[in-house]
Structure formats: structure tokens, C-alpha cells
N, C-alpha and C. Protein backbone atom coordinates (compact mmCIF):
# COMPACT_ATOMS: atom_id res chain seq x y z
N VAL A 1 -34.03 27.35 -22.48
CA VAL A 1 -34.04 26.43 -23.28
C VAL A 1 -34.10 24.86 -22.54
N GLY A 2 -35.50 24.18 -22.86
CA GLY A 2 -35.47 23.09 -22.12
C GLY A 2 -35.10 21.74 -23.14
N LEU A 3 -33.70 20.76 -23.07
CA LEU A 3 -33.95 19.61 -23.65
C LEU A 3 -34.07 18.40 -23.56
N THR A 4 -35.04 17.87 -24.11
CA THR A 4 -35.43 16.31 -23.37
C THR A 4 -35.29 15.50 -24.92
N GLY A 5 -35.65 14.28 -24.25
CA GLY A 5 -35.92 13.42 -25.88
C GLY A 5 -35.75 11.90 -25.60
N CYS A 6 -35.15 11.01 -26.60
CA CYS A 6 -35.35 9.92 -26.47
C CYS A 6 -33.51 9.78 -26.46
N LEU A 7 -33.02 8.51 -26.08
CA LEU A 7 -31.75 8.39 -25.96
C LEU A 7 -31.66 7.25 -27.51
N GLU A 8 -30.22 7.58 -27.82
CA GLU A 8 -29.70 6.68 -29.27
C GLU A 8 -29.61 5.43 -28.43
N VAL A 9 -30.18 4.51 -29.11
CA VAL A 9 -29.68 2.63 -29.13
C VAL A 9 -29.60 2.20 -29.82
N LYS A 10 -28.63 1.37 -30.02
CA LYS A 10 -28.22 0.47 -31.04
C LYS A 10 -28.22 -1.13 -30.52
N ARG A 11 -28.60 -2.17 -31.50
CA ARG A 11 -28.26 -3.59 -31.18
C ARG A 11 -26.86 -4.13 -31.20
N THR A 12 -26.30 -4.77 -30.51
CA THR A 12 -25.24 -5.31 -30.54
C THR A 12 -25.23 -6.81 -30.27
N GLU A 13 -24.23 -7.89 -30.94
CA GLU A 13 -23.83 -9.08 -31.02
C GLU A 13 -23.21 -9.37 -29.64
N TYR A 14 -23.95 -10.99 -29.29
CA TYR A 14 -22.61 -11.61 -28.25
C TYR A 14 -23.33 -12.64 -28.44
N THR A 15 -22.67 -13.42 -27.81
CA THR A 15 -22.72 -15.16 -27.78
C THR A 15 -23.12 -15.39 -26.46
N HIS A 16 -22.40 -14.80 -25.74
CA HIS A 16 -23.28 -15.46 -23.97
C HIS A 16 -23.59 -14.65 -23.55
N THR A 17 -24.62 -14.72 -22.71
CA THR A 17 -25.15 -13.78 -21.81
C THR A 17 -23.85 -13.39 -20.70
N GLU A 18 -23.06 -14.33 -20.34
CA GLU A 18 -22.10 -14.21 -19.27
C GLU A 18 -21.22 -12.62 -20.18
N GLN A 19 -20.99 -12.13 -20.99
CA GLN A 19 -20.62 -11.08 -21.92
C GLN A 19 -21.25 -9.70 -21.39
N ILE A 20 -22.13 -9.79 -20.81
CA ILE A 20 -22.79 -8.85 -20.79
C ILE A 20 -22.33 -8.25 -19.74
N GLU A 21 -21.55 -6.94 -19.32
CA GLU A 21 -21.27 -6.22 -18.49
C GLU A 21 -22.00 -5.65 -16.98
N GLU A 22 -21.83 -5.63 -16.01
CA GLU A 22 -22.94 -4.64 -15.13
C GLU A 22 -22.23 -2.58 -15.89
N GLU A 23 -21.23 -2.66 -15.77
CA GLU A 23 -20.70 -1.26 -15.65
C GLU A 23 -20.37 -0.84 -17.16
N VAL A 24 -21.41 -0.57 -18.06
CA VAL A 24 -21.03 -0.25 -19.57
C VAL A 24 -21.80 1.32 -19.76
N TYR A 25 -21.70 1.57 -21.13
CA TYR A 25 -22.20 2.78 -21.61
C TYR A 25 -23.43 2.38 -21.73
N VAL A 26 -24.71 3.10 -21.41
CA VAL A 26 -26.09 3.50 -21.32
C VAL A 26 -26.39 3.62 -22.89
N ALA A 27 -25.77 4.64 -22.92
CA ALA A 27 -25.85 5.78 -24.20
C ALA A 27 -24.63 6.59 -25.09
N VAL A 28 -24.83 7.30 -26.18
CA VAL A 28 -23.28 7.93 -26.56
C VAL A 28 -23.66 9.21 -25.72
N ASN A 29 -22.30 9.45 -25.29
CA ASN A 29 -21.79 11.08 -25.01
C ASN A 29 -22.34 12.02 -26.28
N HIS A 30 -23.10 12.95 -25.83
CA HIS A 30 -23.15 14.06 -26.77
C HIS A 30 -23.30 15.06 -26.78
N ASP A 31 -23.19 16.45 -27.53
CA ASP A 31 -23.35 17.46 -26.93
C ASP A 31 -23.76 18.32 -27.56
N HIS A 32 -24.74 19.26 -27.76
CA HIS A 32 -25.65 20.63 -28.04
C HIS A 32 -24.93 21.63 -27.56
N PHE A 33 -25.28 22.03 -28.94
CA PHE A 33 -24.84 24.00 -29.17
C PHE A 33 -25.79 24.69 -30.34
N LEU A 34 -26.25 25.76 -28.92
CA LEU A 34 -27.39 26.02 -29.65
C LEU A 34 -26.83 28.13 -29.86
N THR A 35 -26.53 28.41 -31.20
CA THR A 35 -26.01 29.52 -31.53
C THR A 35 -26.90 30.58 -31.78
N TYR A 36 -27.24 32.01 -30.92
CA TYR A 36 -28.51 32.59 -31.19
C TYR A 36 -27.93 33.71 -31.88
N HIS A 37 -28.34 34.58 -33.03
CA HIS A 37 -28.63 35.81 -33.70
C HIS A 37 -29.57 36.87 -32.70
N LEU A 38 -28.66 37.77 -32.15
CA LEU A 38 -29.11 39.09 -31.74
C LEU A 38 -29.12 40.19 -31.99
N ASP A 39 -30.16 40.62 -32.79
CA ASP A 39 -29.68 41.49 -33.56
C ASP A 39 -30.57 43.22 -33.33
N LEU A 40 -30.43 43.57 -31.43
CA LEU A 40 -30.67 44.37 -30.33
C LEU A 40 -30.88 45.91 -30.91
N ASP A 41 -30.65 46.32 -31.84
CA ASP A 41 -31.20 47.65 -32.46
C ASP A 41 -31.16 48.70 -31.18
N VAL A 42 -30.86 48.51 -30.28
CA VAL A 42 -31.13 49.68 -29.09
C VAL A 42 -31.01 51.08 -29.60
N ASP A 43 -32.86 51.72 -29.64
CA ASP A 43 -33.08 52.77 -29.98
C ASP A 43 -32.06 53.68 -30.77
N GLY A 44 -32.31 52.76 -31.97
CA GLY A 44 -31.48 53.35 -33.15
C GLY A 44 -30.30 51.42 -33.49
N GLU A 45 -30.31 51.82 -34.68
CA GLU A 45 -29.46 50.75 -35.83
C GLU A 45 -28.09 51.13 -35.39
N VAL A 46 -27.81 52.17 -34.67
CA VAL A 46 -26.09 52.51 -35.00
C VAL A 46 -25.79 52.10 -33.20
N ASN A 47 -25.13 51.37 -32.77
CA ASN A 47 -25.07 50.69 -31.55
C ASN A 47 -23.47 50.47 -30.90
N SER A 48 -23.02 50.16 -29.67
CA SER A 48 -21.71 50.26 -29.37
C SER A 48 -21.68 48.71 -28.41
N PHE A 49 -20.98 48.08 -28.35
CA PHE A 49 -20.63 46.97 -26.99
C PHE A 49 -19.69 47.59 -26.22
N VAL A 50 -20.31 47.28 -24.74
CA VAL A 50 -19.08 47.89 -23.92
C VAL A 50 -19.22 46.68 -22.70
N LYS A 51 -18.30 46.06 -22.68
CA LYS A 51 -18.04 45.50 -20.97
C LYS A 51 -17.54 46.55 -20.10
N LEU A 52 -18.36 46.33 -19.29
CA LEU A 52 -18.15 46.94 -17.92
C LEU A 52 -17.26 45.51 -16.54
N GLN A 53 -16.16 46.05 -16.52
CA GLN A 53 -15.30 45.47 -15.41
C GLN A 53 -15.04 45.79 -14.35
N THR A 54 -14.78 45.03 -13.54
CA THR A 54 -14.71 45.48 -11.52
C THR A 54 -13.83 45.15 -11.52
N THR A 55 -12.99 46.64 -10.97
CA THR A 55 -11.29 46.06 -10.87
C THR A 55 -10.88 46.49 -9.50
N ARG A 56 -9.81 46.37 -8.91
CA ARG A 56 -9.68 46.41 -7.84
C ARG A 56 -9.26 48.07 -7.43
N ALA A 57 -9.68 48.50 -6.47
CA ALA A 57 -9.22 50.22 -5.70
C ALA A 57 -9.33 50.01 -4.31
N SER A 58 -8.16 50.66 -4.59
CA SER A 58 -7.49 51.16 -2.82
C SER A 58 -7.64 52.33 -2.48
N ASP A 59 -7.56 52.59 -1.03
CA ASP A 59 -7.68 53.92 -0.47
C ASP A 59 -6.62 53.81 0.20
N PRO A 60 -5.50 54.94 0.19
CA PRO A 60 -4.34 54.82 1.32
C PRO A 60 -4.72 55.60 2.59
N LYS A 61 -6.14 56.55 2.96
CA LYS A 61 -6.64 56.37 4.41
C LYS A 61 -7.10 55.03 4.85
N SER A 62 -8.00 53.96 4.34
CA SER A 62 -7.77 52.82 4.76
C SER A 62 -7.38 51.86 4.19
N PRO A 63 -6.08 51.82 4.55
CA PRO A 63 -5.49 49.89 3.59
C PRO A 63 -6.20 48.63 4.12
N THR A 64 -7.05 48.99 5.14
CA THR A 64 -7.27 47.54 5.28
C THR A 64 -8.88 46.92 4.68
N LYS A 65 -9.41 48.15 4.47
CA LYS A 65 -10.56 47.82 3.65
C LYS A 65 -10.41 47.55 2.30
N GLY A 66 -11.33 46.87 1.81
CA GLY A 66 -11.10 46.05 0.32
C GLY A 66 -12.19 46.96 -0.48
N TYR A 67 -11.99 47.62 -1.90
CA TYR A 67 -12.50 48.53 -2.62
C TYR A 67 -12.78 48.13 -4.28
N TRP A 68 -13.81 48.21 -4.44
CA TRP A 68 -13.66 47.85 -5.99
C TRP A 68 -14.25 49.07 -6.89
N LYS A 69 -13.99 49.26 -8.08
CA LYS A 69 -14.51 49.67 -9.04
C LYS A 69 -15.12 49.66 -10.72
N VAL A 70 -15.91 50.07 -11.24
CA VAL A 70 -17.04 49.61 -12.44
C VAL A 70 -15.55 50.35 -14.06
N VAL A 71 -15.36 49.83 -14.53
CA VAL A 71 -14.58 50.17 -16.16
C VAL A 71 -15.14 49.77 -17.33
N GLY A 72 -15.59 50.99 -17.60
CA GLY A 72 -16.01 50.30 -19.00
C GLY A 72 -14.60 50.71 -20.13
N ASP A 73 -15.38 49.68 -21.13
CA ASP A 73 -14.56 49.24 -22.26
C ASP A 73 -14.99 48.98 -23.15
N THR A 74 -15.07 49.92 -23.78
CA THR A 74 -16.10 49.83 -25.48
C THR A 74 -15.17 49.31 -26.73
N ALA A 75 -15.61 48.53 -27.26
CA ALA A 75 -14.82 47.72 -28.06
C ALA A 75 -14.54 48.57 -29.34
N LYS A 76 -13.55 48.57 -30.18
CA LYS A 76 -13.90 49.21 -31.20
C LYS A 76 -13.84 48.32 -32.55
N THR A 77 -13.07 47.11 -32.50
CA THR A 77 -13.25 46.06 -33.61
C THR A 77 -13.98 44.83 -32.60
N GLU A 78 -14.46 43.74 -33.90
CA GLU A 78 -15.10 42.77 -33.73
C GLU A 78 -14.04 41.88 -32.71
N SER A 79 -12.31 42.19 -32.66
CA SER A 79 -11.65 41.46 -31.71
C SER A 79 -11.47 41.50 -30.58
N ASP A 80 -12.02 43.15 -30.58
CA ASP A 80 -11.97 43.53 -29.05
C ASP A 80 -13.32 43.23 -28.62
N ALA A 81 -14.28 42.63 -29.28
CA ALA A 81 -15.35 42.45 -28.86
C ALA A 81 -15.08 40.92 -28.31
N LYS A 82 -14.70 40.20 -28.48
CA LYS A 82 -14.44 38.36 -28.06
C LYS A 82 -14.25 38.53 -26.93
N ILE A 83 -15.29 37.76 -26.18
CA ILE A 83 -14.80 37.55 -24.60
C ILE A 83 -15.24 35.95 -24.37
N LYS A 84 -14.48 35.55 -23.22
CA LYS A 84 -14.52 34.30 -22.56
C LYS A 84 -14.98 34.31 -21.52
N LEU A 85 -16.04 33.62 -21.23
CA LEU A 85 -17.21 33.89 -20.16
C LEU A 85 -16.42 33.55 -19.17
N GLY A 86 -16.90 33.75 -17.45
CA GLY A 86 -16.65 33.10 -16.07
C GLY A 86 -14.61 33.59 -16.22
N SER A 87 -13.84 34.49 -17.41
CA SER A 87 -12.89 34.50 -17.07
C SER A 87 -13.05 35.96 -15.96
N PHE A 88 -13.63 36.88 -16.08
CA PHE A 88 -13.42 37.74 -15.20
C PHE A 88 -15.51 38.40 -15.24
N ALA A 89 -14.95 38.92 -14.20
CA ALA A 89 -16.70 39.36 -13.53
C ALA A 89 -16.59 40.84 -14.54
N ALA A 90 -17.97 40.71 -15.57
CA ALA A 90 -18.39 42.02 -16.36
C ALA A 90 -19.56 41.83 -16.63
N ASP A 91 -20.23 42.99 -16.24
CA ASP A 91 -21.55 43.34 -17.38
C ASP A 91 -21.59 43.23 -18.96
N LEU A 92 -22.27 43.07 -19.66
CA LEU A 92 -22.11 43.10 -21.54
C LEU A 92 -23.28 43.72 -21.83
N VAL A 93 -22.62 44.85 -22.25
CA VAL A 93 -23.80 45.54 -22.25
C VAL A 93 -23.91 46.19 -23.86
N VAL A 94 -25.08 46.38 -24.61
CA VAL A 94 -25.00 46.98 -25.62
C VAL A 94 -25.88 48.43 -26.00
N VAL A 95 -25.09 49.47 -26.37
CA VAL A 95 -25.29 51.19 -25.59
C VAL A 95 -25.78 51.87 -26.75
N ASN A 96 -26.54 52.53 -27.13
CA ASN A 96 -26.49 53.46 -28.26
C ASN A 96 -25.77 54.63 -27.37
N PRO A 97 -24.79 54.84 -28.39
CA PRO A 97 -23.86 56.09 -27.96
C PRO A 97 -23.99 57.27 -28.00
N ASN A 98 -25.15 57.71 -28.51
CA ASN A 98 -25.88 58.37 -28.93
C ASN A 98 -26.87 59.22 -28.50
N LYS A 99 -27.36 57.89 -28.08
CA LYS A 99 -28.71 58.83 -27.02
C LYS A 99 -28.71 58.28 -25.48
N ARG A 100 -28.79 59.41 -24.67
CA ARG A 100 -28.62 59.44 -23.10
C ARG A 100 -29.97 59.57 -22.91
N THR A 101 -30.52 59.26 -21.17
CA THR A 101 -31.42 59.57 -20.13
C THR A 101 -31.19 61.08 -19.63
N LYS A 102 -32.05 61.55 -18.97
CA LYS A 102 -32.21 62.32 -18.52
C LYS A 102 -30.96 62.95 -17.40
N VAL A 103 -30.90 61.56 -17.29
CA VAL A 103 -29.19 61.56 -15.51
C VAL A 103 -27.92 61.53 -16.90
N GLY A 104 -28.03 61.10 -18.23
CA GLY A 104 -26.64 61.22 -18.63
C GLY A 104 -26.68 60.00 -18.72
N ASN A 105 -26.79 58.87 -19.05
CA ASN A 105 -26.34 57.51 -18.81
C ASN A 105 -26.61 57.27 -20.25
N HIS A 106 -25.89 56.78 -21.24
CA HIS A 106 -26.38 55.91 -22.47
C HIS A 106 -26.92 54.64 -22.34
N VAL A 107 -28.78 54.68 -23.13
CA VAL A 107 -29.70 53.44 -22.75
C VAL A 107 -29.10 52.40 -23.90
N GLY A 108 -29.20 51.34 -22.87
CA GLY A 108 -28.61 50.31 -23.26
C GLY A 108 -29.27 49.08 -22.73
N TYR A 109 -29.11 47.58 -23.21
CA TYR A 109 -29.09 46.52 -22.64
C TYR A 109 -28.59 45.69 -22.62
N ARG A 110 -28.18 44.94 -21.05
CA ARG A 110 -27.49 43.80 -21.05
C ARG A 110 -27.60 42.40 -20.94
N LEU A 111 -26.74 41.62 -21.57
CA LEU A 111 -26.88 40.34 -22.12
C LEU A 111 -26.60 39.45 -20.64
N ILE A 112 -26.74 38.71 -20.24
CA ILE A 112 -26.91 38.40 -18.76
C ILE A 112 -26.88 36.62 -18.89
N PRO A 113 -25.64 36.38 -19.05
CA PRO A 113 -26.00 34.67 -19.79
C PRO A 113 -25.92 33.98 -18.66
N GLY A 114 -26.98 32.75 -18.98
CA GLY A 114 -27.80 31.83 -18.10
C GLY A 114 -27.02 30.14 -17.90
N SER A 115 -25.63 30.66 -18.70
CA SER A 115 -24.95 28.92 -18.70
C SER A 115 -23.48 29.36 -19.31
N VAL A 116 -23.11 28.51 -19.92
CA VAL A 116 -21.29 28.46 -20.17
C VAL A 116 -21.21 28.47 -21.49
N ALA A 117 -21.11 29.90 -22.19
CA ALA A 117 -20.38 29.88 -24.31
C ALA A 117 -19.43 29.54 -24.03
N GLY A 118 -19.47 28.64 -25.63
CA GLY A 118 -17.91 28.63 -26.39
C GLY A 118 -18.63 27.62 -27.28
N GLY A 119 -17.26 27.41 -27.64
CA GLY A 119 -16.90 26.55 -28.83
C GLY A 119 -17.02 27.16 -30.33
N LEU A 120 -16.79 26.66 -31.25
CA LEU A 120 -17.12 26.48 -32.75
C LEU A 120 -17.80 25.99 -33.54
N TYR A 121 -18.78 25.38 -32.92
CA TYR A 121 -19.92 24.60 -33.52
C TYR A 121 -21.35 25.00 -33.55
N ALA A 122 -21.43 24.59 -34.63
CA ALA A 122 -23.23 25.23 -34.60
C ALA A 122 -23.82 23.88 -35.32
N ASP A 123 -25.54 23.97 -35.65
CA ASP A 123 -25.92 22.96 -36.38
C ASP A 123 -25.91 22.76 -37.38
N GLN A 124 -25.05 21.83 -37.89
CA GLN A 124 -25.18 22.21 -39.78
C GLN A 124 -23.84 22.53 -39.94
N SER A 125 -23.45 22.96 -39.40
CA SER A 125 -22.04 23.34 -39.63
C SER A 125 -20.51 22.36 -39.83
N ARG A 126 -19.99 23.20 -41.66
CA ARG A 126 -18.74 21.84 -42.02
C ARG A 126 -17.60 22.64 -41.38
N GLY A 127 -17.56 23.21 -40.36
CA GLY A 127 -16.02 24.01 -39.84
C GLY A 127 -15.77 25.02 -40.51
N ASP A 128 -16.46 25.32 -41.90
CA ASP A 128 -15.30 26.44 -42.68
C ASP A 128 -16.12 27.81 -42.61
N GLY A 129 -17.17 27.92 -41.09
CA GLY A 129 -17.76 29.03 -41.82
C GLY A 129 -18.30 29.92 -40.09
N THR A 130 -17.00 29.67 -39.48
CA THR A 130 -17.51 29.50 -37.65
C THR A 130 -17.13 31.34 -37.37
N LEU A 131 -17.72 31.61 -36.23
CA LEU A 131 -18.05 32.98 -35.85
C LEU A 131 -16.27 33.01 -35.82
N ALA A 132 -15.33 32.46 -35.59
CA ALA A 132 -13.90 32.85 -35.17
C ALA A 132 -13.87 33.42 -37.18
N THR A 133 -13.69 32.72 -37.77
CA THR A 133 -13.63 32.92 -39.29
C THR A 133 -14.09 34.12 -39.21
N TRP A 134 -15.86 34.32 -39.38
CA TRP A 134 -16.03 35.60 -39.80
C TRP A 134 -15.67 36.96 -39.16
N SER A 135 -15.39 36.50 -37.54
CA SER A 135 -14.87 38.15 -36.90
C SER A 135 -13.25 38.10 -37.13
N SER A 136 -12.19 37.33 -38.18
CA SER A 136 -11.32 37.47 -38.31
C SER A 136 -10.66 38.44 -38.97
N ARG A 137 -11.96 39.26 -39.94
CA ARG A 137 -11.65 40.10 -40.30
C ARG A 137 -11.37 41.46 -39.84
N ASP A 138 -11.96 41.57 -38.76
CA ASP A 138 -11.80 42.65 -37.77
C ASP A 138 -12.50 43.86 -37.71
N ARG A 139 -13.67 44.00 -38.26
CA ARG A 139 -14.35 44.95 -38.69
C ARG A 139 -14.70 46.08 -37.52
N ASP A 140 -14.77 47.40 -38.28
CA ASP A 140 -14.98 48.48 -36.40
C ASP A 140 -16.14 47.93 -36.38
N VAL A 141 -16.67 47.89 -35.31
CA VAL A 141 -17.83 47.83 -34.29
C VAL A 141 -18.27 48.75 -33.49
N GLU A 142 -17.54 50.43 -33.23
CA GLU A 142 -18.17 51.08 -32.27
C GLU A 142 -19.29 52.12 -32.94
N ASN A 143 -20.12 52.15 -32.59
CA ASN A 143 -20.94 53.03 -33.23
C ASN A 143 -21.61 52.16 -34.63
N LYS A 144 -21.75 51.37 -34.43
CA LYS A 144 -22.19 50.83 -35.80
C LYS A 144 -23.54 50.14 -35.86
N ASP A 145 -24.01 49.24 -36.71
CA ASP A 145 -25.18 48.46 -36.58
C ASP A 145 -24.52 47.13 -36.96
N ILE A 146 -24.48 46.86 -35.06
CA ILE A 146 -24.07 45.51 -35.16
C ILE A 146 -25.11 43.96 -34.25
N VAL A 147 -24.58 43.08 -34.33
CA VAL A 147 -25.06 41.68 -33.95
C VAL A 147 -24.22 41.28 -32.94
N LEU A 148 -24.89 40.38 -31.93
CA LEU A 148 -24.14 39.78 -31.17
C LEU A 148 -24.31 37.93 -31.18
N TRP A 149 -23.46 37.27 -31.34
CA TRP A 149 -23.73 35.91 -31.18
C TRP A 149 -24.01 34.84 -30.24
N TYR A 150 -24.12 34.23 -29.64
CA TYR A 150 -24.26 33.68 -28.27
C TYR A 150 -24.34 32.31 -28.42
N THR A 151 -23.28 31.41 -27.56
CA THR A 151 -23.77 30.10 -28.22
C THR A 151 -23.83 29.55 -26.87
N MET A 152 -24.96 28.93 -26.69
CA MET A 152 -25.16 28.30 -25.85
C MET A 152 -25.26 26.43 -25.43
N SER A 153 -24.34 25.92 -24.52
CA SER A 153 -23.68 24.50 -24.62
C SER A 153 -24.00 23.83 -23.69
N PHE A 154 -24.59 22.39 -23.99
CA PHE A 154 -24.91 21.09 -23.59
C PHE A 154 -24.04 20.11 -23.19
N HIS A 155 -23.20 19.81 -22.35
CA HIS A 155 -22.84 18.47 -22.47
C HIS A 155 -23.23 17.17 -21.99
N HIS A 156 -24.06 16.44 -22.55
CA HIS A 156 -24.48 15.36 -22.05
C HIS A 156 -23.87 13.78 -21.46
N VAL A 157 -23.48 13.79 -20.63
CA VAL A 157 -23.10 12.01 -20.22
C VAL A 157 -24.19 11.36 -19.45
N PRO A 158 -24.49 10.47 -20.23
CA PRO A 158 -26.35 9.94 -20.01
C PRO A 158 -25.96 9.07 -18.88
N PHE A 159 -26.78 8.54 -17.99
CA PHE A 159 -26.53 7.97 -17.14
C PHE A 159 -28.57 7.16 -16.85
N GLN A 160 -28.39 5.93 -15.92
CA GLN A 160 -29.33 4.71 -16.48
C GLN A 160 -30.46 5.72 -15.98
N GLU A 161 -30.46 6.75 -15.28
CA GLU A 161 -32.61 6.95 -15.31
C GLU A 161 -32.69 8.52 -15.89
N ASP A 162 -31.51 8.51 -17.30
CA ASP A 162 -32.31 9.09 -18.64
C ASP A 162 -32.81 7.99 -20.15
N PHE A 163 -32.74 6.48 -19.40
CA PHE A 163 -33.33 5.92 -20.49
C PHE A 163 -34.57 5.24 -20.08
N PRO A 164 -35.46 5.59 -20.88
CA PRO A 164 -35.57 5.62 -22.42
C PRO A 164 -35.72 7.20 -22.42
N ILE A 165 -36.88 7.80 -21.58
CA ILE A 165 -36.85 9.19 -21.65
C ILE A 165 -35.81 10.39 -20.91
N MET A 166 -35.14 11.44 -20.94
CA MET A 166 -34.30 11.46 -20.88
C MET A 166 -34.82 12.91 -20.17
N PRO A 167 -34.38 13.22 -18.69
CA PRO A 167 -35.11 14.22 -17.50
C PRO A 167 -34.77 15.56 -18.71
N THR A 168 -35.42 16.79 -18.20
CA THR A 168 -35.17 18.08 -19.06
C THR A 168 -33.71 18.68 -18.11
N ILE A 169 -32.90 19.09 -19.10
CA ILE A 169 -32.14 19.85 -18.75
C ILE A 169 -32.09 21.39 -19.63
N SER A 170 -32.07 22.17 -18.47
CA SER A 170 -32.35 23.54 -19.06
C SER A 170 -30.81 24.17 -19.05
N GLY A 171 -31.20 25.58 -19.52
CA GLY A 171 -30.13 26.90 -19.75
C GLY A 171 -30.79 27.97 -20.22
N GLN A 172 -30.35 29.62 -20.33
CA GLN A 172 -30.88 30.24 -20.88
C GLN A 172 -29.92 31.16 -20.21
N PHE A 173 -29.95 32.67 -21.44
CA PHE A 173 -29.96 33.64 -21.44
C PHE A 173 -30.65 34.79 -21.01
N GLU A 174 -30.39 36.44 -20.67
CA GLU A 174 -31.67 37.21 -20.80
C GLU A 174 -30.84 38.69 -20.96
N LEU A 175 -31.82 38.88 -21.28
CA LEU A 175 -31.37 40.84 -21.80
C LEU A 175 -32.14 41.59 -21.23
N ARG A 176 -31.82 42.38 -20.21
CA ARG A 176 -32.41 43.04 -19.80
C ARG A 176 -31.62 44.34 -19.88
N GLN A 177 -33.14 45.57 -19.71
CA GLN A 177 -32.86 46.95 -19.77
C GLN A 177 -31.19 47.80 -19.23
N SER A 178 -30.99 48.61 -19.55
CA SER A 178 -29.59 48.71 -18.55
C SER A 178 -29.51 50.64 -19.06
N ASN A 179 -30.13 51.36 -17.95
CA ASN A 179 -30.64 52.80 -18.19
C ASN A 179 -31.20 52.88 -19.60
N PHE A 180 -32.28 52.18 -20.14
CA PHE A 180 -33.34 52.50 -21.43
C PHE A 180 -34.40 52.77 -20.98
N PHE A 181 -34.75 52.96 -19.75
CA PHE A 181 -36.43 53.52 -19.69
C PHE A 181 -35.66 55.38 -18.45
N GLU A 182 -36.14 55.66 -18.55
CA GLU A 182 -36.01 56.80 -17.57
C GLU A 182 -36.18 56.86 -16.01
N SER A 183 -37.11 55.70 -15.55
CA SER A 183 -37.47 55.08 -14.26
C SER A 183 -37.95 54.22 -14.15
N ASN A 184 -38.03 53.48 -12.88
CA ASN A 184 -38.60 52.04 -12.51
C ASN A 184 -40.32 52.53 -12.82
N PRO A 185 -40.63 51.67 -13.43
CA PRO A 185 -42.20 51.57 -14.02
C PRO A 185 -43.19 51.99 -12.13
N VAL A 186 -42.62 51.50 -11.83
CA VAL A 186 -43.16 51.28 -10.15
C VAL A 186 -43.23 52.80 -9.78
N SER A 187 -42.55 53.58 -9.66
CA SER A 187 -42.32 55.24 -9.03
C SER A 187 -43.62 55.92 -9.63
N LYS A 188 -44.31 55.24 -10.86
CA LYS A 188 -45.64 56.32 -11.39
C LYS A 188 -46.72 55.45 -10.80
N ASN A 189 -46.69 54.92 -9.70
CA ASN A 189 -48.20 53.60 -9.57
C ASN A 189 -48.55 55.12 -8.46
N LYS A 190 -49.66 55.52 -8.27
CA LYS A 190 -50.32 56.50 -7.17
C LYS A 190 -50.54 55.63 -5.87
N PRO A 191 -50.52 55.95 -4.88
CA PRO A 191 -50.63 55.27 -3.67
C PRO A 191 -51.75 54.77 -3.69
N PRO A 192 -52.30 53.21 -2.98
CA PRO A 192 -53.20 52.34 -2.72
C PRO A 192 -54.61 53.25 -1.68
N GLN A 193 -55.91 53.47 -2.29
CA GLN A 193 -56.82 53.83 -2.14
C GLN A 193 -58.11 52.40 -1.07
N TYR A 194 -58.52 52.66 -0.60
CA TYR A 194 -59.23 52.23 0.34
C TYR A 194 -60.33 52.42 0.13
N VAL A 195 -61.25 51.14 -0.66
CA VAL A 195 -62.71 51.46 -0.95
C VAL A 195 -63.46 50.84 -0.19
N ARG A 196 -64.64 51.27 0.65
CA ARG A 196 -65.26 50.41 1.78
C ARG A 196 -66.92 50.25 0.82
N GLY A 197 -67.30 49.10 1.39
CA GLY A 197 -68.52 48.48 0.95
C GLY A 197 -69.27 47.33 1.44
N SER A 198 -70.25 47.11 1.26
CA SER A 198 -71.40 46.82 2.06
C SER A 198 -72.69 46.02 1.40
N ASN A 199 -72.98 44.65 1.59
CA ASN A 199 -73.79 44.29 1.26
C ASN A 199 -74.90 43.87 2.46
N CYS A 200 -75.85 43.07 1.75
CA CYS A 200 -77.05 42.92 2.80
C CYS A 200 -76.15 41.44 3.70
N SER A 201 -75.04 41.25 3.69
CA SER A 201 -74.73 40.04 4.74
C SER A 201 -73.57 40.44 5.28
N SER A 202 -72.58 41.28 5.06
CA SER A 202 -71.35 41.75 5.79
C SER A 202 -70.74 42.75 4.61
N SER A 203 -70.07 43.52 5.66
CA SER A 203 -68.81 44.93 4.35
C SER A 203 -67.57 44.15 4.28
N PHE A 204 -67.13 45.20 3.50
CA PHE A 204 -65.58 44.33 2.69
C PHE A 204 -65.15 45.58 2.73
N SER A 205 -63.65 45.47 2.71
CA SER A 205 -62.91 46.28 2.26
C SER A 205 -61.53 46.32 1.11
N ILE A 206 -61.59 46.95 0.25
CA ILE A 206 -61.00 46.49 -0.97
C ILE A 206 -59.49 47.69 -0.78
N VAL A 207 -58.51 47.37 -1.37
CA VAL A 207 -57.17 48.12 -1.62
C VAL A 207 -57.05 48.24 -2.59
N THR A 208 -57.05 49.04 -3.71
CA THR A 208 -57.02 49.31 -4.89
C THR A 208 -55.58 50.04 -5.26
N GLY A 209 -55.36 50.31 -6.44
CA GLY A 209 -54.13 51.10 -6.99
C GLY A 209 -54.58 51.33 -8.19
N ARG A 210 -53.85 52.48 -9.15
CA ARG A 210 -53.90 52.83 -10.23
C ARG A 210 -52.60 53.23 -11.20
N ASN A 211 -52.68 52.63 -12.00
CA ASN A 211 -51.16 53.64 -12.69
C ASN A 211 -51.36 54.16 -13.31
N SER A 212 -50.63 55.54 -13.21
CA SER A 212 -50.93 56.66 -13.95
C SER A 212 -50.34 56.75 -15.41
N ALA A 213 -49.75 55.83 -15.74
CA ALA A 213 -49.16 55.59 -17.26
C ALA A 213 -50.26 55.75 -18.29
């Protein structure tokens, strides 16, 4: 998402020019909150939300070395699924607990945040229908038809360079496959083949490849 536009300005009254100060606000401080409704249905309607957290691990045989392991935590209810991004290292995955790859992993997709998510605000919200209110019912979410609500926020403190046209500020998130495919598509490519040819003035060689899929 890229945000730009014209800063809001307004007229103010003054009697003498000496009343104009150098260090003043050039525009209104403001926020932007963009909320995305993500209904993934990963390989079927019923899914589960899994937090893959990294935790410390130790080996008595090597006390001076540092280790870590990944622990999966499947959310049982809406309260379990609430997270505060940045408070811990984790992969956020929506999986289909009823479908596995040949290796044995549950097929899924990861939500990769690209900015800080937070706040209870959305465009045209009156404050009485927030995500906190909806999730207070604490319904079951394991192996259910679930959705994700991702909120992207921008806090804008205007500077002189932002007037009259603001430079674009960007934020993003990504949905990336997580054990969804059986293998990397690159592994299906055949080795490159050398094709030699010539014309009336010169000779040339071309390296080609073909996807077997």
C-alpha cells in the first residue's frame, strides 16, 4: 500500500506579520488504519491458525552453545488467536489440519507482516463494532472456517517537505505458501540445452531450458 496526497491546510487570522513564527506545525498530525479481511480457505474451508514460536533450547553436552527450537501453538478460540506483533519471534500460519503433503506436513500459508499492526480503529468506525468486540465471544477457531483480520497503521507527522504533495509512504504484508506445494517448482525444470546455429554472417549459440510441468 502506498499513501500520498495533499496536506490539509486552513486559513488563520493574524494582525501583524511579526506574529508569524518560524517553528510552527505545517499540517495536521494524523493516522491511517487499513484493515484487511483475509478469508484464505487453504485447500478447503476448514482451517486452523498456528503460531510457530522460537524458544530457547540447551544441550548439557555443549553448555556454551546457544540453541533454539520451533514450537507450534494451535489457537483453540478467538482469544488464543490474538497476537501483538513484535512481542515475540513467530511465524503465523493458516493450515488445513486435514490435508498433508507427502512429507507429512500440514498444507498452509503464512502471514508475513510488513508493518506494525494494531489499534481498534477502522475507516468509518464508531467504536462499537471493533475486532475486540467481535472476538469477545471467544468462539472456537480450530479446524473451522476462519478468517484473519490484519490492520496496517501509518502515523504521519508532517514536515515541510510534505507540502504541498506528500512523498509516498509504503507498508505491506505478504501471504506466502507454507508446505502448500509438494516441492519447489524449480526442481521440475530440465537441465539447459545448448542450441547451435549460424546465418550468413555469423554463428551463435543459445542456452535454452524447458519446464516439464
